């Protein structure tokens, strides 16, 4: 990983393009940076994709995919956030779930009624 360099990341969600203020070094950091950049405006389920050097649209759904993306000569790296409703069923495994806000109080479960 010594050959890793600082990269610029641009993210496009529904035509709104944002530049990340941080350079993610892991798949999870990318996920967090994109959520922060869009300030809660992302759908519950989404996927990351980028165009590789051959022009192919490549899904980024794991740490290995993230590092493969970094191994390209693309700079800036342009990532598309694809909504879950826009992706075929075959690609459903690449979705990320936007974790729920844990600060929202949850309703207590209803007690079971005995006859």
N, C-alpha and C. Protein backbone atom coordinates (compact mmCIF):
# COMPACT_ATOMS: atom_id res chain seq x y z
N UNK A 1 0.81 -1.19 0.00
CA UNK A 1 0.00 0.00 0.00
C UNK A 1 0.85 1.25 0.00
N UNK A 2 2.15 1.08 -0.09
CA UNK A 2 3.03 2.24 -0.10
C UNK A 2 2.80 3.11 -1.33
N UNK A 3 2.30 2.51 -2.43
CA UNK A 3 2.10 3.25 -3.67
C UNK A 3 0.81 4.06 -3.67
N UNK A 4 0.06 4.04 -2.61
CA UNK A 4 -1.18 4.82 -2.53
C UNK A 4 -0.82 6.29 -2.46
N UNK A 5 -1.58 7.08 -3.22
CA UNK A 5 -1.35 8.52 -3.21
C UNK A 5 -2.66 9.23 -2.89
N UNK A 6 -2.55 10.46 -2.51
CA UNK A 6 -3.74 11.26 -2.25
C UNK A 6 -4.53 11.37 -3.55
N UNK A 7 -5.81 11.10 -3.50
CA UNK A 7 -6.66 11.17 -4.69
C UNK A 7 -7.80 12.13 -4.43
N UNK A 8 -8.28 12.71 -5.48
CA UNK A 8 -9.48 13.54 -5.40
C UNK A 8 -10.65 12.64 -5.72
N UNK A 9 -11.74 12.82 -4.98
CA UNK A 9 -12.96 12.06 -5.21
C UNK A 9 -14.10 13.02 -5.51
N UNK A 10 -14.81 12.78 -6.60
CA UNK A 10 -16.04 13.50 -6.91
C UNK A 10 -17.15 12.48 -6.91
N UNK A 11 -18.27 12.85 -6.30
CA UNK A 11 -19.39 11.93 -6.15
C UNK A 11 -20.63 12.56 -6.78
N UNK A 12 -21.34 11.76 -7.57
CA UNK A 12 -22.55 12.21 -8.26
C UNK A 12 -23.74 11.40 -7.76
N UNK A 13 -24.70 12.09 -7.19
CA UNK A 13 -25.96 11.46 -6.80
C UNK A 13 -27.09 12.26 -7.42
N UNK A 14 -27.79 11.64 -8.37
CA UNK A 14 -28.93 12.25 -9.05
C UNK A 14 -28.59 13.62 -9.64
N UNK A 15 -27.39 13.73 -10.21
CA UNK A 15 -26.99 14.97 -10.87
C UNK A 15 -26.37 16.01 -9.96
N UNK A 16 -26.37 15.77 -8.66
CA UNK A 16 -25.70 16.67 -7.72
C UNK A 16 -24.31 16.13 -7.48
N UNK A 17 -23.31 16.88 -7.92
CA UNK A 17 -21.92 16.44 -7.81
C UNK A 17 -21.26 17.16 -6.64
N UNK A 18 -20.61 16.38 -5.81
CA UNK A 18 -19.90 16.94 -4.65
C UNK A 18 -18.48 16.42 -4.64
N UNK A 19 -17.58 17.24 -4.17
CA UNK A 19 -16.20 16.84 -3.98
C UNK A 19 -16.03 16.46 -2.52
N UNK A 20 -15.44 15.30 -2.27
CA UNK A 20 -15.23 14.88 -0.88
C UNK A 20 -14.13 15.73 -0.25
N UNK A 21 -14.35 16.14 0.97
CA UNK A 21 -13.37 16.95 1.70
C UNK A 21 -12.27 16.12 2.32
N UNK A 22 -12.45 14.82 2.33
CA UNK A 22 -11.45 13.91 2.88
C UNK A 22 -11.10 12.89 1.81
N UNK A 23 -9.94 12.29 1.94
CA UNK A 23 -9.54 11.22 1.03
C UNK A 23 -9.73 9.91 1.76
N UNK A 24 -10.79 9.16 1.41
CA UNK A 24 -11.02 7.90 2.11
C UNK A 24 -9.90 6.90 1.82
N UNK A 25 -9.57 6.12 2.83
CA UNK A 25 -8.53 5.10 2.68
C UNK A 25 -9.10 3.68 2.81
N UNK A 26 -10.43 3.60 2.99
CA UNK A 26 -11.08 2.29 3.09
C UNK A 26 -12.50 2.41 2.54
N UNK A 27 -13.10 1.28 2.28
CA UNK A 27 -14.47 1.24 1.78
C UNK A 27 -15.41 1.89 2.80
N UNK A 28 -15.23 1.59 4.07
CA UNK A 28 -16.08 2.17 5.12
C UNK A 28 -15.90 3.69 5.19
N UNK A 29 -14.67 4.18 5.06
CA UNK A 29 -14.44 5.63 5.07
C UNK A 29 -15.11 6.30 3.87
N UNK A 30 -15.09 5.62 2.71
CA UNK A 30 -15.79 6.15 1.54
C UNK A 30 -17.28 6.26 1.83
N UNK A 31 -17.84 5.21 2.38
CA UNK A 31 -19.25 5.17 2.74
C UNK A 31 -19.60 6.34 3.68
N UNK A 32 -18.79 6.53 4.72
CA UNK A 32 -19.03 7.61 5.69
C UNK A 32 -18.88 8.99 5.06
N UNK A 33 -17.86 9.18 4.23
CA UNK A 33 -17.62 10.48 3.60
C UNK A 33 -18.76 10.86 2.66
N UNK A 34 -19.29 9.88 1.93
CA UNK A 34 -20.40 10.16 1.01
C UNK A 34 -21.66 10.49 1.79
N UNK A 35 -21.94 9.73 2.85
CA UNK A 35 -23.11 10.05 3.69
C UNK A 35 -23.00 11.46 4.25
N UNK A 36 -21.81 11.83 4.70
CA UNK A 36 -21.60 13.16 5.25
C UNK A 36 -21.78 14.23 4.18
N UNK A 37 -21.24 13.99 3.00
CA UNK A 37 -21.32 14.98 1.92
C UNK A 37 -22.77 15.26 1.51
N UNK A 38 -23.61 14.24 1.54
CA UNK A 38 -25.00 14.41 1.13
C UNK A 38 -25.94 14.61 2.31
N UNK A 39 -25.40 14.72 3.49
CA UNK A 39 -26.13 15.13 4.68
C UNK A 39 -27.51 14.49 4.81
N UNK A 40 -27.54 13.17 4.72
CA UNK A 40 -28.79 12.45 4.93
C UNK A 40 -29.72 12.38 3.74
N UNK A 41 -29.31 12.89 2.58
CA UNK A 41 -30.18 12.89 1.40
C UNK A 41 -30.07 11.62 0.57
N UNK A 42 -29.34 10.63 1.03
CA UNK A 42 -29.19 9.39 0.28
C UNK A 42 -30.37 8.46 0.55
N UNK A 43 -30.70 7.60 -0.42
CA UNK A 43 -31.77 6.63 -0.17
C UNK A 43 -31.31 5.59 0.85
N UNK A 44 -32.24 4.80 1.32
CA UNK A 44 -31.90 3.77 2.31
C UNK A 44 -30.92 2.75 1.73
N UNK A 45 -31.11 2.40 0.44
CA UNK A 45 -30.24 1.42 -0.21
C UNK A 45 -29.64 2.05 -1.45
N UNK A 46 -28.34 1.87 -1.61
CA UNK A 46 -27.65 2.43 -2.77
C UNK A 46 -26.37 1.66 -3.03
N UNK A 47 -25.77 1.94 -4.18
CA UNK A 47 -24.51 1.29 -4.55
C UNK A 47 -23.57 2.35 -5.10
N UNK A 48 -22.27 2.06 -5.03
CA UNK A 48 -21.25 2.93 -5.61
C UNK A 48 -20.78 2.31 -6.92
N UNK A 49 -20.58 3.16 -7.93
CA UNK A 49 -20.01 2.71 -9.20
C UNK A 49 -19.05 3.78 -9.70
N UNK A 50 -18.08 3.34 -10.50
CA UNK A 50 -17.17 4.29 -11.14
C UNK A 50 -16.83 3.76 -12.53
N UNK A 51 -16.38 4.64 -13.41
CA UNK A 51 -15.94 4.22 -14.74
C UNK A 51 -14.45 3.95 -14.68
N UNK A 52 -14.08 2.74 -15.08
CA UNK A 52 -12.65 2.40 -15.05
C UNK A 52 -11.96 2.92 -16.31
N UNK A 53 -10.69 2.58 -16.44
CA UNK A 53 -9.88 3.08 -17.55
C UNK A 53 -10.35 2.58 -18.91
N UNK A 54 -11.14 1.50 -18.91
CA UNK A 54 -11.70 0.97 -20.16
C UNK A 54 -13.08 1.55 -20.46
N UNK A 55 -13.58 2.39 -19.55
CA UNK A 55 -14.90 2.97 -19.74
C UNK A 55 -16.03 2.12 -19.19
N UNK A 56 -15.69 1.02 -18.51
CA UNK A 56 -16.71 0.15 -17.93
C UNK A 56 -17.21 0.72 -16.61
N UNK A 57 -18.51 0.57 -16.35
CA UNK A 57 -19.09 1.00 -15.09
C UNK A 57 -18.90 -0.14 -14.08
N UNK A 58 -18.08 0.09 -13.07
CA UNK A 58 -17.66 -0.94 -12.12
C UNK A 58 -18.29 -0.68 -10.76
N UNK A 59 -18.85 -1.71 -10.17
CA UNK A 59 -19.46 -1.61 -8.84
C UNK A 59 -18.38 -1.70 -7.77
N UNK A 60 -18.51 -0.86 -6.75
CA UNK A 60 -17.61 -0.90 -5.59
C UNK A 60 -18.45 -1.34 -4.41
N UNK A 61 -18.28 -2.61 -4.00
CA UNK A 61 -19.13 -3.13 -2.93
C UNK A 61 -18.35 -3.82 -1.82
N UNK A 62 -17.03 -3.66 -1.83
CA UNK A 62 -16.22 -4.30 -0.80
C UNK A 62 -14.89 -3.55 -0.66
N UNK A 63 -14.14 -3.94 0.34
CA UNK A 63 -12.81 -3.37 0.55
C UNK A 63 -11.91 -3.68 -0.65
N UNK A 64 -11.99 -4.91 -1.17
CA UNK A 64 -11.18 -5.27 -2.34
C UNK A 64 -11.53 -4.41 -3.55
N UNK A 65 -12.83 -4.20 -3.79
CA UNK A 65 -13.25 -3.34 -4.90
C UNK A 65 -12.72 -1.93 -4.72
N UNK A 66 -12.80 -1.43 -3.49
CA UNK A 66 -12.31 -0.08 -3.20
C UNK A 66 -10.83 0.05 -3.55
N UNK A 67 -10.02 -0.91 -3.12
CA UNK A 67 -8.58 -0.84 -3.39
C UNK A 67 -8.27 -1.05 -4.86
N UNK A 68 -9.08 -1.86 -5.55
CA UNK A 68 -8.90 -2.01 -7.00
C UNK A 68 -9.16 -0.67 -7.69
N UNK A 69 -10.15 0.07 -7.22
CA UNK A 69 -10.44 1.40 -7.77
C UNK A 69 -9.25 2.33 -7.54
N UNK A 70 -8.65 2.26 -6.36
CA UNK A 70 -7.49 3.11 -6.06
C UNK A 70 -6.28 2.75 -6.92
N UNK A 71 -6.20 1.50 -7.36
CA UNK A 71 -5.07 1.05 -8.17
C UNK A 71 -5.14 1.54 -9.62
N UNK A 72 -6.25 2.19 -10.00
CA UNK A 72 -6.35 2.74 -11.35
C UNK A 72 -5.56 4.05 -11.42
N UNK A 73 -5.37 4.54 -12.61
CA UNK A 73 -4.69 5.83 -12.81
C UNK A 73 -5.69 6.98 -12.93
N UNK A 74 -6.93 6.74 -12.58
CA UNK A 74 -7.97 7.76 -12.70
C UNK A 74 -7.82 8.78 -11.57
N UNK A 75 -7.81 10.06 -11.95
CA UNK A 75 -7.75 11.13 -10.95
C UNK A 75 -8.32 12.39 -11.59
N UNK A 76 -9.41 12.92 -11.07
CA UNK A 76 -10.11 12.48 -9.87
C UNK A 76 -10.91 11.21 -10.13
N UNK A 77 -11.19 10.50 -9.06
CA UNK A 77 -12.05 9.33 -9.14
C UNK A 77 -13.49 9.84 -9.04
N UNK A 78 -14.28 9.53 -10.05
CA UNK A 78 -15.68 9.98 -10.11
C UNK A 78 -16.59 8.80 -9.77
N UNK A 79 -17.29 8.92 -8.66
CA UNK A 79 -18.15 7.85 -8.18
C UNK A 79 -19.60 8.24 -8.38
N UNK A 80 -20.37 7.31 -8.88
CA UNK A 80 -21.81 7.51 -8.99
C UNK A 80 -22.49 6.77 -7.86
N UNK A 81 -23.42 7.43 -7.19
CA UNK A 81 -24.25 6.77 -6.19
C UNK A 81 -25.53 6.38 -6.90
N UNK A 82 -25.79 5.09 -6.97
CA UNK A 82 -26.94 4.57 -7.68
C UNK A 82 -27.99 4.14 -6.67
N UNK A 83 -29.19 4.67 -6.81
CA UNK A 83 -30.29 4.33 -5.91
C UNK A 83 -30.70 2.89 -6.11
N UNK A 84 -31.14 2.26 -5.04
CA UNK A 84 -31.57 0.87 -5.09
C UNK A 84 -32.65 0.61 -6.12
N UNK A 85 -33.52 1.58 -6.37
CA UNK A 85 -34.60 1.38 -7.33
C UNK A 85 -34.09 1.44 -8.77
N UNK A 86 -32.85 1.88 -8.99
CA UNK A 86 -32.30 2.02 -10.33
C UNK A 86 -31.39 0.87 -10.75
N UNK A 87 -31.26 -0.14 -9.91
CA UNK A 87 -30.31 -1.21 -10.20
C UNK A 87 -31.07 -2.52 -10.36
N UNK A 88 -30.62 -3.32 -11.30
CA UNK A 88 -31.29 -4.60 -11.56
C UNK A 88 -31.16 -5.54 -10.36
N UNK A 89 -32.03 -6.53 -10.32
CA UNK A 89 -32.02 -7.51 -9.22
C UNK A 89 -30.69 -8.25 -9.13
N UNK A 90 -30.05 -8.47 -10.25
CA UNK A 90 -28.79 -9.21 -10.23
C UNK A 90 -27.70 -8.46 -9.46
N UNK A 91 -27.83 -7.15 -9.35
CA UNK A 91 -26.81 -6.38 -8.67
C UNK A 91 -27.19 -6.06 -7.23
N UNK A 92 -28.28 -6.57 -6.74
CA UNK A 92 -28.74 -6.24 -5.40
C UNK A 92 -27.70 -6.54 -4.32
N UNK A 93 -26.83 -7.49 -4.54
CA UNK A 93 -25.84 -7.83 -3.53
C UNK A 93 -24.82 -6.72 -3.32
N UNK A 94 -24.72 -5.77 -4.25
CA UNK A 94 -23.73 -4.71 -4.12
C UNK A 94 -24.28 -3.50 -3.37
N UNK A 95 -25.54 -3.56 -2.94
CA UNK A 95 -26.13 -2.43 -2.24
C UNK A 95 -25.48 -2.21 -0.88
N UNK A 96 -25.49 -0.98 -0.50
CA UNK A 96 -25.11 -0.60 0.86
C UNK A 96 -26.38 -0.18 1.56
N UNK A 97 -26.51 -0.52 2.78
CA UNK A 97 -27.65 -0.05 3.54
C UNK A 97 -27.22 1.15 4.33
N UNK A 98 -27.97 2.22 4.21
CA UNK A 98 -27.70 3.41 4.99
C UNK A 98 -28.13 3.09 6.41
N UNK A 99 -27.22 3.01 7.37
CA UNK A 99 -27.60 2.60 8.71
C UNK A 99 -28.58 3.59 9.34
N UNK A 100 -29.52 3.08 10.10
CA UNK A 100 -30.50 3.96 10.73
C UNK A 100 -29.85 4.87 11.75
N UNK A 101 -30.46 6.00 11.97
CA UNK A 101 -29.99 6.94 12.98
C UNK A 101 -30.27 6.34 14.35
N UNK A 102 -29.20 6.02 15.07
CA UNK A 102 -29.37 5.36 16.36
C UNK A 102 -29.78 6.33 17.46
N UNK A 103 -29.83 7.63 17.17
CA UNK A 103 -30.24 8.61 18.17
C UNK A 103 -31.75 8.76 18.24
N UNK A 104 -32.48 8.14 17.32
CA UNK A 104 -33.93 8.24 17.32
C UNK A 104 -34.47 7.22 18.32
N UNK A 105 -35.28 7.67 19.29
CA UNK A 105 -35.82 6.72 20.26
C UNK A 105 -36.73 5.70 19.58
N UNK A 106 -36.62 4.48 20.01
CA UNK A 106 -37.43 3.40 19.46
C UNK A 106 -38.63 3.15 20.38
N UNK A 107 -39.77 2.83 19.77
CA UNK A 107 -40.95 2.52 20.57
C UNK A 107 -40.74 1.20 21.31
N UNK A 108 -41.25 1.13 22.51
CA UNK A 108 -41.16 -0.10 23.29
C UNK A 108 -42.05 -1.16 22.66
N UNK A 109 -41.62 -2.43 22.68
CA UNK A 109 -42.47 -3.48 22.11
C UNK A 109 -43.76 -3.61 22.90
N UNK A 110 -44.82 -3.95 22.17
CA UNK A 110 -46.12 -4.12 22.84
C UNK A 110 -46.12 -5.45 23.60
N UNK A 111 -46.64 -5.44 24.83
CA UNK A 111 -46.69 -6.70 25.59
C UNK A 111 -47.71 -7.65 24.97
N UNK A 112 -47.41 -8.94 25.09
CA UNK A 112 -48.33 -9.95 24.58
C UNK A 112 -49.54 -10.02 25.52
N UNK A 113 -50.70 -10.16 24.89
CA UNK A 113 -51.94 -10.25 25.67
C UNK A 113 -52.26 -11.73 25.87
N UNK A 114 -52.42 -12.12 27.14
CA UNK A 114 -52.76 -13.50 27.50
C UNK A 114 -54.27 -13.65 27.56
N UNK A 115 -54.85 -14.71 26.98
CA UNK A 115 -56.33 -14.91 27.04
C UNK A 115 -56.80 -15.27 28.42
